[in-house]
């Protein structure tokens, strides 16, 4: 299953691509992913979910971890057919990334329990 820019035939971006996963995407452990009728090509990859515990803006690198409250494992579901439509329209990939239940997550691991 291709999931990198090279595998998908895309150029490596010069700046990070940002997208959102609204809270309606979240599915807690044991929940199910809905296969919505508007897509026919769902891909997924495992991600490390970093949970930001307090508001952050323009913070220095040495203060970043002060804002992390914990971690989780997440499944990032992307509807590749919708993503391609967005790319062709030069639109954000939001629709391809934000369908309900398209981000199952594991248990919350508090930051203090991780030994860096």
Protein backbone atom coordinates (compact mmCIF):
# COMPACT_ATOMS: atom_id res chain seq x y z
CA UNK A 1 0.00 0.00 0.00
CA UNK A 2 1.72 3.24 -1.08
CA UNK A 3 1.81 5.94 1.56
CA UNK A 4 4.86 8.13 0.98
CA UNK A 5 5.16 11.00 -1.50
CA UNK A 6 7.53 8.94 -3.66
CA UNK A 7 5.22 5.88 -3.67
CA UNK A 8 2.25 8.08 -4.56
CA UNK A 9 4.13 9.80 -7.38
CA UNK A 10 4.21 13.14 -5.58
CA UNK A 11 7.09 15.57 -5.22
CA UNK A 12 8.48 15.97 -1.72
CA UNK A 13 6.91 19.17 -0.34
CA UNK A 14 9.20 22.09 0.53
CA UNK A 15 7.07 22.89 3.58
CA UNK A 16 5.01 20.54 5.77
CA UNK A 17 1.51 19.70 4.57
CA UNK A 18 -1.04 20.32 7.28
CA UNK A 19 -4.42 18.70 7.63
CA UNK A 20 -6.94 18.34 10.40
CA UNK A 21 -8.51 15.40 12.18
CA UNK A 22 -11.59 16.77 13.96
CA UNK A 23 -12.80 15.07 17.11
CA UNK A 24 -15.58 13.38 15.09
CA UNK A 25 -12.80 11.24 13.54
CA UNK A 26 -11.79 9.75 16.89
CA UNK A 27 -12.79 6.21 17.73
CA UNK A 28 -11.72 4.79 21.06
CA UNK A 29 -10.35 1.29 21.52
CA UNK A 30 -12.91 -1.31 20.47
CA UNK A 31 -14.86 1.03 18.18
CA UNK A 32 -15.40 0.53 14.46
CA UNK A 33 -14.35 2.48 11.38
CA UNK A 34 -17.28 3.41 9.14
CA UNK A 35 -16.80 2.84 5.42
CA UNK A 36 -18.60 5.91 4.07
CA UNK A 37 -20.32 5.58 0.69
CA UNK A 38 -18.51 8.60 -0.79
CA UNK A 39 -15.18 6.72 -0.90
CA UNK A 40 -14.01 3.47 -2.44
CA UNK A 41 -10.27 3.63 -1.71
CA UNK A 42 -9.42 3.83 1.99
CA UNK A 43 -5.79 3.49 3.10
CA UNK A 44 -4.40 3.63 6.60
CA UNK A 45 -1.14 3.98 8.46
CA UNK A 46 -0.13 3.87 12.09
CA UNK A 47 0.89 7.17 13.67
CA UNK A 48 2.19 8.32 17.03
CA UNK A 49 -0.48 10.63 18.44
CA UNK A 50 0.96 13.50 20.47
CA UNK A 51 -1.62 15.00 22.79
CA UNK A 52 -1.19 18.71 23.33
CA UNK A 53 -2.40 19.56 26.81
CA UNK A 54 -2.27 23.33 26.82
CA UNK A 55 -2.45 26.13 24.31
CA UNK A 56 0.78 26.79 22.43
CA UNK A 57 1.78 29.45 19.95
CA UNK A 58 5.23 30.62 18.89
CA UNK A 59 6.99 28.67 21.62
CA UNK A 60 10.70 27.95 21.62
CA UNK A 61 11.97 24.44 20.89
CA UNK A 62 13.12 24.00 24.50
CA UNK A 63 9.53 24.62 25.71
CA UNK A 64 7.70 22.25 23.32
CA UNK A 65 7.50 19.31 25.71
CA UNK A 66 5.97 21.57 28.39
CA UNK A 67 2.83 21.50 26.23
CA UNK A 68 2.65 17.73 25.65
CA UNK A 69 0.32 15.95 28.07
CA UNK A 70 0.68 12.47 26.62
CA UNK A 71 0.74 10.07 23.71
CA UNK A 72 -1.38 7.47 21.99
CA UNK A 73 -1.24 5.21 18.95
CA UNK A 74 -3.53 6.33 16.14
CA UNK A 75 -4.64 4.92 12.80
CA UNK A 76 -4.66 7.66 10.15
CA UNK A 77 -7.31 6.70 7.57
CA UNK A 78 -7.07 8.53 4.25
CA UNK A 79 -9.58 8.23 1.43
CA UNK A 80 -7.17 8.19 -1.50
CA UNK A 81 -9.86 8.75 -4.13
CA UNK A 82 -11.09 11.85 -2.31
CA UNK A 83 -7.51 12.98 -1.73
CA UNK A 84 -6.81 12.77 -5.47
CA UNK A 85 -9.92 14.86 -6.19
CA UNK A 86 -8.73 17.47 -3.69
CA UNK A 87 -5.25 17.51 -5.20
CA UNK A 88 -6.63 17.97 -8.72
CA UNK A 89 -8.79 20.86 -7.50
CA UNK A 90 -5.75 22.28 -5.64
CA UNK A 91 -7.84 22.15 -2.47
CA UNK A 92 -6.88 21.14 1.07
CA UNK A 93 -7.08 17.41 1.77
CA UNK A 94 -9.56 17.90 4.60
CA UNK A 95 -12.34 15.82 3.04
CA UNK A 96 -9.96 12.90 2.46
CA UNK A 97 -8.80 12.92 6.08
CA UNK A 98 -11.76 13.96 8.25
CA UNK A 99 -14.65 11.54 7.81
CA UNK A 100 -16.31 10.34 11.01
CA UNK A 101 -14.47 7.44 12.69
CA UNK A 102 -11.38 7.75 10.47
CA UNK A 103 -8.92 8.05 13.37
CA UNK A 104 -9.09 5.16 15.83
CA UNK A 105 -6.88 5.79 18.86
CA UNK A 106 -5.42 3.66 21.62
CA UNK A 107 -5.16 4.33 25.31
CA UNK A 108 -3.82 7.66 26.59
CA UNK A 109 -0.28 7.41 27.98
CA UNK A 110 0.53 10.35 30.26
CA UNK A 111 3.75 12.20 29.43
CA UNK A 112 5.14 11.51 32.91
CA UNK A 113 5.05 7.74 32.28
CA UNK A 114 7.40 7.98 29.27
CA UNK A 115 11.13 7.71 29.91
CA UNK A 116 12.81 9.80 27.20
